Amino acid sequence: MEAQVNAAVALVVALIVVVGAAFSLLAALGIVRFPDLYTRMHAASKAGTIGSGLLLLAAGLHSLDGAIFVRALAGFVFFILTAPISAHLLAKAAHQAGYRLTKLSVIDQLPQKEEARRL
């Protein structure tokens, strides 16, 4: 019975590792292929967060230790909570520093919001 449980855990870990690696690959491709700083940052913060979080969860599950899994789960929650916020703040700082959107972008909403605050 224990061999079946170990095989099931190994299968679940392998699936989580493959999905996490796929998200990490998509994040890397987005960083390379997207045209400007903001879209690259979006790829890194969204897909990169999910990819690294899933890989961390797979490592915690593979350990078969409850304490290690709880630490991995806490790390995953930390990734989910902090990465989008930090990406937003970095993008806002980059916009204020003068990095502009690519010509492919349809609208730049940040200056409109700043003008609305001044009125």
N, C-alpha and C. Protein backbone atom coordinates (compact mmCIF):
# COMPACT_ATOMS: atom_id res chain seq x y z
N MET A 1 0.82 -1.20 0.00
CA MET A 1 0.00 0.00 0.00
C MET A 1 0.86 1.27 0.00
N GLU A 2 1.96 1.22 0.76
CA GLU A 2 2.84 2.38 0.82
C GLU A 2 3.49 2.67 -0.53
N ALA A 3 3.76 1.63 -1.29
CA ALA A 3 4.35 1.80 -2.62
C ALA A 3 3.37 2.52 -3.55
N GLN A 4 2.08 2.23 -3.41
CA GLN A 4 1.08 2.89 -4.24
C GLN A 4 0.96 4.37 -3.87
N VAL A 5 1.03 4.66 -2.58
CA VAL A 5 0.97 6.06 -2.14
C VAL A 5 2.19 6.82 -2.65
N ASN A 6 3.37 6.21 -2.54
CA ASN A 6 4.59 6.85 -3.04
C ASN A 6 4.52 7.07 -4.54
N ALA A 7 3.97 6.11 -5.27
CA ALA A 7 3.84 6.26 -6.72
C ALA A 7 2.85 7.37 -7.06
N ALA A 8 1.76 7.46 -6.31
CA ALA A 8 0.78 8.53 -6.56
C ALA A 8 1.37 9.90 -6.26
N VAL A 9 2.12 10.00 -5.15
CA VAL A 9 2.76 11.27 -4.81
C VAL A 9 3.79 11.64 -5.88
N ALA A 10 4.55 10.67 -6.34
CA ALA A 10 5.54 10.94 -7.38
C ALA A 10 4.88 11.41 -8.67
N LEU A 11 3.72 10.82 -9.00
CA LEU A 11 3.01 11.24 -10.20
C LEU A 11 2.48 12.66 -10.07
N VAL A 12 1.92 12.99 -8.91
CA VAL A 12 1.41 14.34 -8.68
C VAL A 12 2.55 15.36 -8.70
N VAL A 13 3.67 15.01 -8.07
CA VAL A 13 4.83 15.90 -8.05
C VAL A 13 5.34 16.13 -9.47
N ALA A 14 5.41 15.06 -10.26
CA ALA A 14 5.87 15.18 -11.64
C ALA A 14 4.95 16.08 -12.45
N LEU A 15 3.64 15.94 -12.26
CA LEU A 15 2.68 16.78 -12.97
C LEU A 15 2.83 18.24 -12.57
N ILE A 16 2.98 18.51 -11.26
CA ILE A 16 3.14 19.89 -10.80
C ILE A 16 4.45 20.48 -11.32
N VAL A 17 5.52 19.68 -11.37
CA VAL A 17 6.80 20.17 -11.88
C VAL A 17 6.69 20.52 -13.37
N VAL A 18 6.00 19.68 -14.13
CA VAL A 18 5.85 19.95 -15.57
C VAL A 18 5.03 21.22 -15.80
N VAL A 19 3.94 21.37 -15.05
CA VAL A 19 3.11 22.57 -15.20
C VAL A 19 3.89 23.81 -14.75
N GLY A 20 4.60 23.73 -13.64
CA GLY A 20 5.41 24.85 -13.17
C GLY A 20 6.51 25.23 -14.14
N ALA A 21 7.15 24.22 -14.71
CA ALA A 21 8.20 24.48 -15.70
C ALA A 21 7.61 25.12 -16.96
N ALA A 22 6.40 24.70 -17.35
CA ALA A 22 5.76 25.30 -18.52
C ALA A 22 5.45 26.77 -18.27
N PHE A 23 4.93 27.09 -17.10
CA PHE A 23 4.67 28.51 -16.77
C PHE A 23 5.97 29.31 -16.74
N SER A 24 7.02 28.73 -16.19
CA SER A 24 8.31 29.43 -16.15
C SER A 24 8.86 29.64 -17.55
N LEU A 25 8.69 28.66 -18.43
CA LEU A 25 9.12 28.80 -19.82
C LEU A 25 8.33 29.90 -20.52
N LEU A 26 7.02 29.94 -20.29
CA LEU A 26 6.21 31.00 -20.89
C LEU A 26 6.61 32.37 -20.37
N ALA A 27 6.95 32.47 -19.11
CA ALA A 27 7.42 33.74 -18.57
C ALA A 27 8.73 34.16 -19.23
N ALA A 28 9.64 33.21 -19.41
CA ALA A 28 10.91 33.53 -20.05
C ALA A 28 10.70 33.94 -21.51
N LEU A 29 9.82 33.26 -22.20
CA LEU A 29 9.52 33.64 -23.59
C LEU A 29 8.88 35.03 -23.65
N GLY A 30 8.02 35.33 -22.69
CA GLY A 30 7.41 36.65 -22.65
C GLY A 30 8.43 37.75 -22.42
N ILE A 31 9.40 37.48 -21.57
CA ILE A 31 10.45 38.47 -21.30
C ILE A 31 11.27 38.73 -22.56
N VAL A 32 11.51 37.69 -23.32
CA VAL A 32 12.33 37.83 -24.53
C VAL A 32 11.52 38.45 -25.68
N ARG A 33 10.26 38.06 -25.82
CA ARG A 33 9.51 38.41 -27.01
C ARG A 33 8.65 39.67 -26.92
N PHE A 34 8.22 40.07 -25.73
CA PHE A 34 7.33 41.21 -25.63
C PHE A 34 8.08 42.50 -25.92
N PRO A 35 7.37 43.52 -26.46
CA PRO A 35 8.05 44.68 -27.03
C PRO A 35 8.54 45.73 -26.04
N ASP A 36 7.92 45.88 -24.87
CA ASP A 36 8.36 46.95 -23.99
C ASP A 36 8.47 46.48 -22.55
N LEU A 37 8.96 47.36 -21.72
CA LEU A 37 9.21 47.05 -20.31
C LEU A 37 7.97 46.57 -19.58
N TYR A 38 6.84 47.18 -19.87
CA TYR A 38 5.63 46.89 -19.11
C TYR A 38 5.06 45.51 -19.43
N THR A 39 5.05 45.14 -20.67
CA THR A 39 4.55 43.81 -21.03
C THR A 39 5.53 42.73 -20.59
N ARG A 40 6.81 43.02 -20.64
CA ARG A 40 7.79 42.05 -20.13
C ARG A 40 7.63 41.86 -18.63
N MET A 41 7.41 42.95 -17.92
CA MET A 41 7.21 42.86 -16.48
C MET A 41 5.93 42.09 -16.16
N HIS A 42 4.91 42.25 -16.98
CA HIS A 42 3.67 41.52 -16.79
C HIS A 42 3.91 40.01 -16.93
N ALA A 43 4.67 39.63 -17.95
CA ALA A 43 4.96 38.21 -18.15
C ALA A 43 5.75 37.64 -16.97
N ALA A 44 6.72 38.38 -16.52
CA ALA A 44 7.54 37.90 -15.41
C ALA A 44 6.76 37.82 -14.12
N SER A 45 5.88 38.78 -13.87
CA SER A 45 5.18 38.78 -12.58
C SER A 45 4.03 37.79 -12.54
N LYS A 46 3.38 37.53 -13.64
CA LYS A 46 2.23 36.62 -13.61
C LYS A 46 2.67 35.17 -13.81
N ALA A 47 3.18 34.87 -14.98
CA ALA A 47 3.55 33.48 -15.28
C ALA A 47 4.75 33.03 -14.46
N GLY A 48 5.69 33.92 -14.22
CA GLY A 48 6.85 33.57 -13.41
C GLY A 48 6.48 33.25 -11.97
N THR A 49 5.53 33.98 -11.43
CA THR A 49 5.07 33.73 -10.06
C THR A 49 4.40 32.37 -9.95
N ILE A 50 3.51 32.07 -10.87
CA ILE A 50 2.83 30.77 -10.83
C ILE A 50 3.83 29.65 -11.06
N GLY A 51 4.75 29.81 -12.01
CA GLY A 51 5.74 28.77 -12.29
C GLY A 51 6.64 28.48 -11.10
N SER A 52 7.19 29.52 -10.51
CA SER A 52 8.09 29.30 -9.38
C SER A 52 7.32 28.80 -8.16
N GLY A 53 6.10 29.27 -7.98
CA GLY A 53 5.29 28.80 -6.87
C GLY A 53 4.94 27.32 -6.99
N LEU A 54 4.59 26.90 -8.19
CA LEU A 54 4.28 25.48 -8.40
C LEU A 54 5.52 24.60 -8.20
N LEU A 55 6.66 25.07 -8.65
CA LEU A 55 7.89 24.30 -8.43
C LEU A 55 8.22 24.21 -6.94
N LEU A 56 7.96 25.28 -6.21
CA LEU A 56 8.18 25.25 -4.77
C LEU A 56 7.22 24.28 -4.08
N LEU A 57 5.96 24.29 -4.50
CA LEU A 57 5.00 23.34 -3.95
C LEU A 57 5.37 21.89 -4.27
N ALA A 58 5.86 21.66 -5.47
CA ALA A 58 6.27 20.30 -5.84
C ALA A 58 7.44 19.85 -4.98
N ALA A 59 8.37 20.73 -4.70
CA ALA A 59 9.49 20.37 -3.82
C ALA A 59 9.01 20.06 -2.41
N GLY A 60 8.07 20.85 -1.91
CA GLY A 60 7.53 20.60 -0.59
C GLY A 60 6.76 19.30 -0.50
N LEU A 61 5.99 19.00 -1.54
CA LEU A 61 5.23 17.75 -1.58
C LEU A 61 6.15 16.55 -1.72
N HIS A 62 7.20 16.69 -2.49
CA HIS A 62 8.15 15.60 -2.70
C HIS A 62 8.87 15.20 -1.41
N SER A 63 9.01 16.13 -0.50
CA SER A 63 9.72 15.84 0.74
C SER A 63 8.95 14.87 1.64
N LEU A 64 7.63 14.81 1.47
CA LEU A 64 6.76 13.96 2.29
C LEU A 64 6.86 14.29 3.79
N ASP A 65 7.17 15.54 4.08
CA ASP A 65 7.24 16.02 5.45
C ASP A 65 6.27 17.18 5.59
N GLY A 66 5.39 17.10 6.57
CA GLY A 66 4.36 18.12 6.74
C GLY A 66 4.92 19.50 7.01
N ALA A 67 5.97 19.58 7.83
CA ALA A 67 6.55 20.88 8.16
C ALA A 67 7.18 21.54 6.92
N ILE A 68 7.85 20.75 6.12
CA ILE A 68 8.46 21.30 4.91
C ILE A 68 7.38 21.72 3.91
N PHE A 69 6.31 20.92 3.81
CA PHE A 69 5.23 21.28 2.90
C PHE A 69 4.56 22.58 3.33
N VAL A 70 4.36 22.76 4.63
CA VAL A 70 3.75 24.00 5.12
C VAL A 70 4.65 25.20 4.81
N ARG A 71 5.95 25.04 4.95
CA ARG A 71 6.88 26.13 4.58
C ARG A 71 6.81 26.43 3.09
N ALA A 72 6.73 25.39 2.27
CA ALA A 72 6.61 25.59 0.83
C ALA A 72 5.29 26.28 0.48
N LEU A 73 4.23 25.90 1.15
CA LEU A 73 2.94 26.54 0.94
C LEU A 73 2.98 28.00 1.36
N ALA A 74 3.65 28.29 2.48
CA ALA A 74 3.80 29.68 2.91
C ALA A 74 4.61 30.49 1.90
N GLY A 75 5.65 29.88 1.33
CA GLY A 75 6.42 30.55 0.29
C GLY A 75 5.59 30.83 -0.95
N PHE A 76 4.74 29.87 -1.32
CA PHE A 76 3.86 30.06 -2.48
C PHE A 76 2.90 31.22 -2.24
N VAL A 77 2.30 31.28 -1.05
CA VAL A 77 1.39 32.38 -0.72
C VAL A 77 2.15 33.71 -0.73
N PHE A 78 3.37 33.70 -0.22
CA PHE A 78 4.19 34.92 -0.23
C PHE A 78 4.44 35.38 -1.67
N PHE A 79 4.78 34.43 -2.57
CA PHE A 79 4.96 34.78 -3.98
C PHE A 79 3.70 35.41 -4.56
N ILE A 80 2.57 34.77 -4.32
CA ILE A 80 1.30 35.24 -4.89
C ILE A 80 0.94 36.63 -4.37
N LEU A 81 1.23 36.90 -3.12
CA LEU A 81 0.87 38.20 -2.55
C LEU A 81 1.83 39.32 -2.92
N THR A 82 3.11 39.02 -3.08
CA THR A 82 4.08 40.10 -3.25
C THR A 82 4.47 40.38 -4.70
N ALA A 83 4.49 39.40 -5.57
CA ALA A 83 4.96 39.63 -6.94
C ALA A 83 4.10 40.61 -7.73
N PRO A 84 2.77 40.50 -7.73
CA PRO A 84 1.99 41.49 -8.48
C PRO A 84 2.12 42.91 -7.93
N ILE A 85 2.22 43.04 -6.61
CA ILE A 85 2.34 44.36 -6.01
C ILE A 85 3.68 44.99 -6.37
N SER A 86 4.75 44.20 -6.29
CA SER A 86 6.06 44.76 -6.63
C SER A 86 6.15 45.09 -8.12
N ALA A 87 5.54 44.28 -8.97
CA ALA A 87 5.55 44.58 -10.41
C ALA A 87 4.78 45.87 -10.69
N HIS A 88 3.67 46.05 -10.01
CA HIS A 88 2.90 47.29 -10.19
C HIS A 88 3.71 48.51 -9.77
N LEU A 89 4.36 48.42 -8.63
CA LEU A 89 5.15 49.56 -8.15
C LEU A 89 6.34 49.84 -9.05
N LEU A 90 6.99 48.79 -9.55
CA LEU A 90 8.10 48.99 -10.48
C LEU A 90 7.63 49.60 -11.79
N ALA A 91 6.48 49.16 -12.28
CA ALA A 91 5.95 49.71 -13.53
C ALA A 91 5.57 51.18 -13.35
N LYS A 92 4.99 51.50 -12.22
CA LYS A 92 4.63 52.90 -11.96
C LYS A 92 5.87 53.77 -11.86
N ALA A 93 6.91 53.28 -11.19
CA ALA A 93 8.15 54.04 -11.08
C ALA A 93 8.82 54.19 -12.45
N ALA A 94 8.76 53.14 -13.26
CA ALA A 94 9.35 53.23 -14.60
C ALA A 94 8.59 54.25 -15.45
N HIS A 95 7.28 54.29 -15.32
CA HIS A 95 6.48 55.25 -16.09
C HIS A 95 6.82 56.68 -15.65
N GLN A 96 6.96 56.89 -14.36
CA GLN A 96 7.30 58.22 -13.86
C GLN A 96 8.72 58.61 -14.24
N ALA A 97 9.60 57.62 -14.43
CA ALA A 97 10.97 57.91 -14.83
C ALA A 97 11.09 58.20 -16.32
N GLY A 98 10.01 57.94 -17.08
CA GLY A 98 10.04 58.30 -18.49
C GLY A 98 10.00 57.14 -19.47
N TYR A 99 9.95 55.91 -19.00
CA TYR A 99 9.82 54.78 -19.93
C TYR A 99 8.41 54.79 -20.48
N ARG A 100 8.30 54.86 -21.80
CA ARG A 100 6.99 54.95 -22.44
C ARG A 100 6.56 53.59 -22.98
N LEU A 101 5.26 53.51 -23.22
CA LEU A 101 4.70 52.30 -23.80
C LEU A 101 5.13 52.18 -25.26
N THR A 102 5.07 50.98 -25.79
CA THR A 102 5.36 50.77 -27.19
C THR A 102 4.24 51.38 -28.05
N LYS A 103 4.50 51.62 -29.29
CA LYS A 103 3.50 52.19 -30.19
C LYS A 103 2.35 51.22 -30.43
N LEU A 104 2.55 49.95 -30.12
CA LEU A 104 1.49 48.96 -30.27
C LEU A 104 0.43 49.08 -29.18
N SER A 105 0.74 49.76 -28.10
CA SER A 105 -0.23 49.93 -27.01
C SER A 105 -1.32 50.88 -27.44
N VAL A 106 -2.51 50.63 -26.99
CA VAL A 106 -3.67 51.41 -27.42
C VAL A 106 -3.83 52.68 -26.60
N ILE A 107 -3.70 52.59 -25.28
CA ILE A 107 -3.96 53.73 -24.43
C ILE A 107 -3.01 53.72 -23.23
N ASP A 108 -2.64 54.90 -22.81
CA ASP A 108 -1.81 55.08 -21.62
C ASP A 108 -2.68 55.76 -20.57
N GLN A 109 -3.14 55.01 -19.59
CA GLN A 109 -4.10 55.54 -18.63
C GLN A 109 -3.47 56.30 -17.47
N LEU A 110 -2.19 56.12 -17.24
CA LEU A 110 -1.59 56.73 -16.06
C LEU A 110 -1.59 58.26 -16.10
N PRO A 111 -1.22 58.92 -17.22
CA PRO A 111 -1.28 60.38 -17.21
C PRO A 111 -2.71 60.91 -17.03
N GLN A 112 -3.71 60.22 -17.54
CA GLN A 112 -5.09 60.65 -17.38
C GLN A 112 -5.49 60.60 -15.90
N LYS A 113 -5.04 59.60 -15.20
CA LYS A 113 -5.36 59.50 -13.78
C LYS A 113 -4.67 60.60 -12.99
N GLU A 114 -3.42 60.91 -13.35
CA GLU A 114 -2.70 61.97 -12.64
C GLU A 114 -3.34 63.33 -12.88
N GLU A 115 -3.80 63.59 -14.11
CA GLU A 115 -4.46 64.85 -14.41
C GLU A 115 -5.77 64.95 -13.67
N ALA A 116 -6.48 63.85 -13.52
CA ALA A 116 -7.76 63.87 -12.81
C ALA A 116 -7.55 64.20 -11.33
N ARG A 117 -6.42 63.77 -10.76
CA ARG A 117 -6.15 64.07 -9.36
C ARG A 117 -5.86 65.56 -9.16
N ARG A 118 -5.24 66.17 -10.16
CA ARG A 118 -4.88 67.59 -10.05
C ARG A 118 -6.12 68.50 -10.15
N LEU A 119 -7.14 68.04 -10.85
CA LEU A 119 -8.34 68.89 -11.05
C LEU A 119 -9.19 68.88 -9.87
